[in-house]
Amino acid sequence: MSLPQQHQSKTIPPATHLITHDNHAYDSIQNSSSTQTTLLSEQAHINDVFTENIPKRVGLSDMDGIRYMIFGSLFILGVDSSLFPLDTVKTIIMSERSRQLHKQNVFRMIYRIAKDEGILRFWRGLFPSVIGSFPGQAMYYMAYESTQEVVDKVLANNSSHGAIFTKGFLSGACAEIAGGMFYVPADIVAQRLQIQSTRGFVHNSRLYSGPLDVVKKVLRNDGIQGFYRGYFAYVGAYAPASAVQWGSYELFKGILFRTTTFLETRFRINSKPIPAKENIVNGISGGLAAICAITANNPLEILRIRTQLLESRNKKDAESIRRGYVQLASSIFHEEGWRAFYRGLRVRMMVTIPSAIVAMSGYETIKNWSMDNI
């Protein structure tokens, strides 16, 4: 017996209903799969961006050497000249031999010097510093880039964070050793002019009429070696600082570039890239690297300046020269306390951080200008 028609319609769904139901299920599965694929693709893209290598480093082999030395020297000369007054203040503070000096307000001291001796007092010693800057900067950056290429070959183009830091660290140390051959004689002359007032030296009753007078008196009293007094103190103070600064700079630059690229890709509005991203990254990296280097080497900088200002005709100075750096450090510690080794740190930060921010962004720009294909 056949079932009533109404019962058949309840137990057997219409064919069109089955087809529609299956299509909805298929579309739901397909949409879910498509969404999952999109999310995975987006995540993979973000991962690729975050692990993206920084732009290819411009090396010495990519540049015209003469153009590089000229542009680089002129740029650093401009930066150093503009910040020379703060360097003068730093040198005066670090050369003082007073336990009470750290209590003196830096800005009050600057005001007093400007009032008593005029604003040009802060540029005294600039000329010999400039004379030493041209060959010194050229040698410094040539040594840095040359060492970068040598170490890069030794490490087989390794791009890990450790390798990047190592290349910058070793190159920075070698650059300072080479540049110091020109910097130290210029510093010897400049510092003697920087610390003397109209009443003579802060701690020596000597007065120089100008750079040539300093040169003549140093030659007469100490010979040619007088211009290299403190060279090893210079290398000991600045080579580690330069190593830390360049190693940190190259490391921070890679990390910050990857981070900003990730943020730019993930959160940028209207698909517009961060303007001048590379210059911003270079500047911030330079500032962070400078903080690391300054904090690490300030005690050595104190020893360097004190050593370069010693004079063999002064009995106490002659004894310090004979005993060496360890005895000088011990003498400073016992007579002035441990704070003496961090004297001038704030002023150095004021001088070095803005200088490093400008110098590092400008340095990378100078390298781009110096490329052979321009």
Foldseek 3Di string as FASTA:
>chain_A
DDDDPVVVPVPDPDPVVVVVVVVVVVVVVVVVVVVVVVVVVVVVVLVCLLPPFDPDAQFPVQFDLVLLLVLLLVVLLVLCQVLQLLVLLLLQFLQDQDLCSLVDDSVVVLVVQCVVANPCLSCALVVLQSVLSSVLRSQLVVQLRVQLVVLCVVVVVDDDLVSLLQSQLVSQLRSQLRSLVRNQLSCLQSSLSSQADPQHHPPDRDDAPGSVSSVVVQCVQPNPCLSCFLSVLSSVQRSNLSSQLRSQLSSQLRNQSSVQSSCQVPPNPPNDHDPPSSLQSQLVSQLVSNVVSLVVRQLSVSLSSNRSPQGCVDVVSVVDSVVDSVVVSVVSCVSNNPVSSCGSSVSCSVSRNVSRSVSRSVSSVSSVVRGPVD
